[in-house]
Structure formats: structure tokens, C-alpha cells
Amino acid sequence: MSMGAYDEDEHERRERKNGSVDAGFDDERTVYHGKVEYDSGDSAEALLDQFRKMKDE
């Protein structure tokens, strides 16, 4: 059998494997403590100026 090719038995085996759901794992949510801060950064015009500089180099 060439690589990637499989027969009917292999097809059925894969169908059985893909048809089952493994729910045996722990689905407990993790609690995170802390804070998130966002920096909006420079204005759009300042970012465009920086891009133009980088492009010219």
C-alpha cells in the first residue's frame, strides 16, 4: 500500500476513532488573578510617520 492510501478497514477504523468523544479530561476553569492594561499607543498620524521612516530606510 502506498503512503496515504488505505483500505476499507482503515477507513472504518478512522471513522470509529473520529466518531467517539473523549470527555475524560478535567474541564475545570482556571482562575487568574491580576490586571490587564492596554496602551493605545501613538496617534494614527504618528504611526504613519514611523512607517514611512521605516519604509525609506
PDB file of N, CA and C in Angstrom:
ATOM      1  N   MET A   1       0.847  -1.167   0.000  1.00  0.00           N
ATOM      2  CA  MET A   1       0.000   0.000   0.000  1.00  0.00           C
ATOM      3  C   MET A   1       0.899   1.238   0.000  1.00  0.00           C
ATOM      4  N   SER A   2       0.587   2.197  -0.822  1.00  0.00           N
ATOM      5  CA  SER A   2       1.412   3.402  -0.902  1.00  0.00           C
ATOM      6  C   SER A   2       1.094   4.336   0.264  1.00  0.00           C
ATOM      7  N   MET A   3       1.992   5.296   0.488  1.00  0.00           N
ATOM      8  CA  MET A   3       1.774   6.248   1.571  1.00  0.00           C
ATOM      9  C   MET A   3       0.500   7.052   1.316  1.00  0.00           C
ATOM     10  N   GLY A   4      -0.300   7.205   2.332  1.00  0.00           N
ATOM     11  CA  GLY A   4      -1.519   7.985   2.200  1.00  0.00           C
ATOM     12  C   GLY A   4      -2.707   7.180   1.733  1.00  0.00           C
ATOM     13  N   ALA A   5      -2.475   6.003   1.220  1.00  0.00           N
ATOM     14  CA  ALA A   5      -3.575   5.162   0.758  1.00  0.00           C
ATOM     15  C   ALA A   5      -3.983   4.222   1.881  1.00  0.00           C
ATOM     16  N   TYR A   6      -5.276   3.954   1.979  1.00  0.00           N
ATOM     17  CA  TYR A   6      -5.729   2.999   2.979  1.00  0.00           C
ATOM     18  C   TYR A   6      -6.948   2.268   2.454  1.00  0.00           C
ATOM     19  N   ASP A   7      -7.186   1.097   3.014  1.00  0.00           N
ATOM     20  CA  ASP A   7      -8.282   0.265   2.535  1.00  0.00           C
ATOM     21  C   ASP A   7      -9.552   0.522   3.346  1.00  0.00           C
ATOM     22  N   GLU A   8     -10.586  -0.240   3.074  1.00  0.00           N
ATOM     23  CA  GLU A   8     -11.878  -0.069   3.721  1.00  0.00           C
ATOM     24  C   GLU A   8     -11.790  -0.277   5.234  1.00  0.00           C
ATOM     25  N   ASP A   9     -10.989  -1.248   5.684  1.00  0.00           N
ATOM     26  CA  ASP A   9     -10.839  -1.487   7.122  1.00  0.00           C
ATOM     27  C   ASP A   9     -10.228  -0.280   7.819  1.00  0.00           C
ATOM     28  N   GLU A  10      -9.242   0.314   7.190  1.00  0.00           N
ATOM     29  CA  GLU A  10      -8.615   1.508   7.766  1.00  0.00           C
ATOM     30  C   GLU A  10      -9.614   2.659   7.807  1.00  0.00           C
ATOM     31  N   HIS A  11     -10.414   2.786   6.773  1.00  0.00           N
ATOM     32  CA  HIS A  11     -11.429   3.840   6.732  1.00  0.00           C
ATOM     33  C   HIS A  11     -12.418   3.669   7.887  1.00  0.00           C
ATOM     34  N   GLU A  12     -12.879   2.444   8.107  1.00  0.00           N
ATOM     35  CA  GLU A  12     -13.820   2.174   9.196  1.00  0.00           C
ATOM     36  C   GLU A  12     -13.168   2.426  10.560  1.00  0.00           C
ATOM     37  N   ARG A  13     -11.894   2.051  10.706  1.00  0.00           N
ATOM     38  CA  ARG A  13     -11.182   2.285  11.962  1.00  0.00           C
ATOM     39  C   ARG A  13     -11.102   3.786  12.255  1.00  0.00           C
ATOM     40  N   ARG A  14     -10.791   4.570  11.237  1.00  0.00           N
ATOM     41  CA  ARG A  14     -10.696   6.020  11.429  1.00  0.00           C
ATOM     42  C   ARG A  14     -12.059   6.626  11.738  1.00  0.00           C
ATOM     43  N   GLU A  15     -13.114   6.103  11.109  1.00  0.00           N
ATOM     44  CA  GLU A  15     -14.459   6.597  11.375  1.00  0.00           C
ATOM     45  C   GLU A  15     -14.852   6.334  12.828  1.00  0.00           C
ATOM     46  N   ARG A  16     -14.538   5.145  13.341  1.00  0.00           N
ATOM     47  CA  ARG A  16     -14.849   4.824  14.737  1.00  0.00           C
ATOM     48  C   ARG A  16     -14.055   5.732  15.675  1.00  0.00           C
ATOM     49  N   LYS A  17     -12.783   5.939  15.352  1.00  0.00           N
ATOM     50  CA  LYS A  17     -11.927   6.770  16.197  1.00  0.00           C
ATOM     51  C   LYS A  17     -12.434   8.209  16.212  1.00  0.00           C
ATOM     52  N   ASN A  18     -12.784   8.756  15.057  1.00  0.00           N
ATOM     53  CA  ASN A  18     -13.235  10.149  14.972  1.00  0.00           C
ATOM     54  C   ASN A  18     -14.664  10.318  15.476  1.00  0.00           C
ATOM     55  N   GLY A  19     -15.418   9.247  15.529  1.00  0.00           N
ATOM     56  CA  GLY A  19     -16.800   9.326  15.970  1.00  0.00           C
ATOM     57  C   GLY A  19     -16.952   9.309  17.478  1.00  0.00           C
ATOM     58  N   SER A  20     -15.902   8.986  18.201  1.00  0.00           N
ATOM     59  CA  SER A  20     -16.001   8.938  19.655  1.00  0.00           C
ATOM     60  C   SER A  20     -15.464  10.234  20.258  1.00  0.00           C
ATOM     61  N   VAL A  21     -16.030  10.610  21.386  1.00  0.00           N
ATOM     62  CA  VAL A  21     -15.629  11.835  22.073  1.00  0.00           C
ATOM     63  C   VAL A  21     -14.945  11.462  23.372  1.00  0.00           C
ATOM     64  N   ASP A  22     -13.771  12.027  23.606  1.00  0.00           N
ATOM     65  CA  ASP A  22     -13.047  11.781  24.837  1.00  0.00           C
ATOM     66  C   ASP A  22     -13.402  12.877  25.835  1.00  0.00           C
ATOM     67  N   ALA A  23     -14.285  12.552  26.782  1.00  0.00           N
ATOM     68  CA  ALA A  23     -14.702  13.528  27.777  1.00  0.00           C
ATOM     69  C   ALA A  23     -14.064  13.227  29.124  1.00  0.00           C
ATOM     70  N   GLY A  24     -12.968  12.505  29.119  1.00  0.00           N
ATOM     71  CA  GLY A  24     -12.335  12.099  30.354  1.00  0.00           C
ATOM     72  C   GLY A  24     -11.403  13.136  30.943  1.00  0.00           C
ATOM     73  N   PHE A  25     -11.270  14.266  30.336  1.00  0.00           N
ATOM     74  CA  PHE A  25     -10.351  15.270  30.862  1.00  0.00           C
ATOM     75  C   PHE A  25     -11.084  16.206  31.821  1.00  0.00           C
ATOM     76  N   ASP A  26     -10.331  16.874  32.652  1.00  0.00           N
ATOM     77  CA  ASP A  26     -10.887  17.786  33.642  1.00  0.00           C
ATOM     78  C   ASP A  26     -11.195  19.119  32.971  1.00  0.00           C
ATOM     79  N   ASP A  27     -12.444  19.512  32.981  1.00  0.00           N
ATOM     80  CA  ASP A  27     -12.863  20.735  32.299  1.00  0.00           C
ATOM     81  C   ASP A  27     -13.082  21.875  33.292  1.00  0.00           C
ATOM     82  N   GLU A  28     -12.279  21.887  34.343  1.00  0.00           N
ATOM     83  CA  GLU A  28     -12.407  22.940  35.341  1.00  0.00           C
ATOM     84  C   GLU A  28     -11.727  24.210  34.838  1.00  0.00           C
ATOM     85  N   ARG A  29     -12.393  25.319  35.003  1.00  0.00           N
ATOM     86  CA  ARG A  29     -11.838  26.587  34.543  1.00  0.00           C
ATOM     87  C   ARG A  29     -10.751  27.070  35.498  1.00  0.00           C
ATOM     88  N   THR A  30      -9.734  27.687  34.941  1.00  0.00           N
ATOM     89  CA  THR A  30      -8.639  28.230  35.729  1.00  0.00           C
ATOM     90  C   THR A  30      -8.972  29.666  36.101  1.00  0.00           C
ATOM     91  N   VAL A  31      -8.728  30.019  37.338  1.00  0.00           N
ATOM     92  CA  VAL A  31      -8.986  31.378  37.806  1.00  0.00           C
ATOM     93  C   VAL A  31      -7.667  32.139  37.766  1.00  0.00           C
ATOM     94  N   TYR A  32      -7.679  33.284  37.110  1.00  0.00           N
ATOM     95  CA  TYR A  32      -6.493  34.121  37.018  1.00  0.00           C
ATOM     96  C   TYR A  32      -6.695  35.360  37.879  1.00  0.00           C
ATOM     97  N   HIS A  33      -5.636  35.776  38.551  1.00  0.00           N
ATOM     98  CA  HIS A  33      -5.685  36.982  39.364  1.00  0.00           C
ATOM     99  C   HIS A  33      -4.680  37.969  38.785  1.00  0.00           C
ATOM    100  N   GLY A  34      -5.069  39.213  38.729  1.00  0.00           N
ATOM    101  CA  GLY A  34      -4.178  40.232  38.193  1.00  0.00           C
ATOM    102  C   GLY A  34      -4.982  41.261  37.433  1.00  0.00           C
ATOM    103  N   LYS A  35      -4.289  42.033  36.625  1.00  0.00           N
ATOM    104  CA  LYS A  35      -4.984  43.047  35.837  1.00  0.00           C
ATOM    105  C   LYS A  35      -4.372  43.133  34.452  1.00  0.00           C
ATOM    106  N   VAL A  36      -5.130  43.675  33.545  1.00  0.00           N
ATOM    107  CA  VAL A  36      -4.693  43.844  32.164  1.00  0.00           C
ATOM    108  C   VAL A  36      -4.772  45.322  31.839  1.00  0.00           C
ATOM    109  N   GLU A  37      -3.717  45.836  31.247  1.00  0.00           N
ATOM    110  CA  GLU A  37      -3.709  47.238  30.834  1.00  0.00           C
ATOM    111  C   GLU A  37      -3.446  47.302  29.342  1.00  0.00           C
ATOM    112  N   TYR A  38      -4.122  48.202  28.683  1.00  0.00           N
ATOM    113  CA  TYR A  38      -3.941  48.397  27.253  1.00  0.00           C
ATOM    114  C   TYR A  38      -3.354  49.774  27.009  1.00  0.00           C
ATOM    115  N   ASP A  39      -2.348  49.826  26.159  1.00  0.00           N
ATOM    116  CA  ASP A  39      -1.749  51.098  25.787  1.00  0.00           C
ATOM    117  C   ASP A  39      -2.198  51.397  24.372  1.00  0.00           C
ATOM    118  N   SER A  40      -2.967  52.431  24.213  1.00  0.00           N
ATOM    119  CA  SER A  40      -3.479  52.747  22.882  1.00  0.00           C
ATOM    120  C   SER A  40      -2.367  53.230  21.960  1.00  0.00           C
ATOM    121  N   GLY A  41      -1.246  53.621  22.536  1.00  0.00           N
ATOM    122  CA  GLY A  41      -0.099  53.983  21.724  1.00  0.00           C
ATOM    123  C   GLY A  41      -0.214  55.344  21.084  1.00  0.00           C
ATOM    124  N   ASP A  42       0.574  55.515  20.048  1.00  0.00           N
ATOM    125  CA  ASP A  42       0.613  56.798  19.348  1.00  0.00           C
ATOM    126  C   ASP A  42      -0.642  57.002  18.506  1.00  0.00           C
ATOM    127  N   SER A  43      -0.793  58.231  18.056  1.00  0.00           N
ATOM    128  CA  SER A  43      -1.908  58.536  17.166  1.00  0.00           C
ATOM    129  C   SER A  43      -1.663  57.878  15.807  1.00  0.00           C
ATOM    130  N   ALA A  44      -2.696  57.809  15.011  1.00  0.00           N
ATOM    131  CA  ALA A  44      -2.579  57.188  13.693  1.00  0.00           C
ATOM    132  C   ALA A  44      -1.551  57.925  12.840  1.00  0.00           C
ATOM    133  N   GLU A  45      -1.520  59.245  12.936  1.00  0.00           N
ATOM    134  CA  GLU A  45      -0.570  60.017  12.134  1.00  0.00           C
ATOM    135  C   GLU A  45       0.866  59.728  12.556  1.00  0.00           C
ATOM    136  N   ALA A  46       1.118  59.595  13.860  1.00  0.00           N
ATOM    137  CA  ALA A  46       2.458  59.278  14.337  1.00  0.00           C
ATOM    138  C   ALA A  46       2.877  57.891  13.872  1.00  0.00           C
ATOM    139  N   LEU A  47       1.952  56.966  13.865  1.00  0.00           N
ATOM    140  CA  LEU A  47       2.267  55.614  13.387  1.00  0.00           C
ATOM    141  C   LEU A  47       2.566  55.612  11.893  1.00  0.00           C
ATOM    142  N   LEU A  48       1.822  56.408  11.132  1.00  0.00           N
ATOM    143  CA  LEU A  48       2.091  56.513   9.697  1.00  0.00           C
ATOM    144  C   LEU A  48       3.457  57.136   9.435  1.00  0.00           C
ATOM    145  N   ASP A  49       3.828  58.150  10.222  1.00  0.00           N
ATOM    146  CA  ASP A  49       5.151  58.763  10.084  1.00  0.00           C
ATOM    147  C   ASP A  49       6.247  57.743  10.363  1.00  0.00           C
ATOM    148  N   GLN A  50       6.051  56.955  11.412  1.00  0.00           N
ATOM    149  CA  GLN A  50       7.038  55.918  11.762  1.00  0.00           C
ATOM    150  C   GLN A  50       7.128  54.889  10.638  1.00  0.00           C
ATOM    151  N   PHE A  51       6.007  54.513  10.064  1.00  0.00           N
ATOM    152  CA  PHE A  51       6.001  53.554   8.962  1.00  0.00           C
ATOM    153  C   PHE A  51       6.743  54.112   7.754  1.00  0.00           C
ATOM    154  N   ARG A  52       6.510  55.366   7.453  1.00  0.00           N
ATOM    155  CA  ARG A  52       7.186  55.995   6.306  1.00  0.00           C
ATOM    156  C   ARG A  52       8.703  56.012   6.513  1.00  0.00           C
ATOM    157  N   LYS A  53       9.119  56.302   7.740  1.00  0.00           N
ATOM    158  CA  LYS A  53      10.558  56.301   8.059  1.00  0.00           C
ATOM    159  C   LYS A  53      11.150  54.914   7.832  1.00  0.00           C
ATOM    160  N   MET A  54      10.465  53.905   8.331  1.00  0.00           N
ATOM    161  CA  MET A  54      10.964  52.535   8.200  1.00  0.00           C
ATOM    162  C   MET A  54      11.023  52.112   6.732  1.00  0.00           C
ATOM    163  N   LYS A  55      10.029  52.539   5.989  1.00  0.00           N
ATOM    164  CA  LYS A  55       9.964  52.179   4.574  1.00  0.00           C
ATOM    165  C   LYS A  55      11.096  52.825   3.782  1.00  0.00           C
ATOM    166  N   ASP A  56      11.473  54.048   4.157  1.00  0.00           N
ATOM    167  CA  ASP A  56      12.519  54.782   3.451  1.00  0.00           C
ATOM    168  C   ASP A  56      13.914  54.240   3.751  1.00  0.00           C
ATOM    169  N   GLU A  57      14.090  53.569   4.887  1.00  0.00           N
ATOM    170  CA  GLU A  57      15.417  53.076   5.272  1.00  0.00           C
ATOM    171  C   GLU A  57      15.844  51.909   4.453  1.00  0.00           C
TER     172      GLU A  57
END
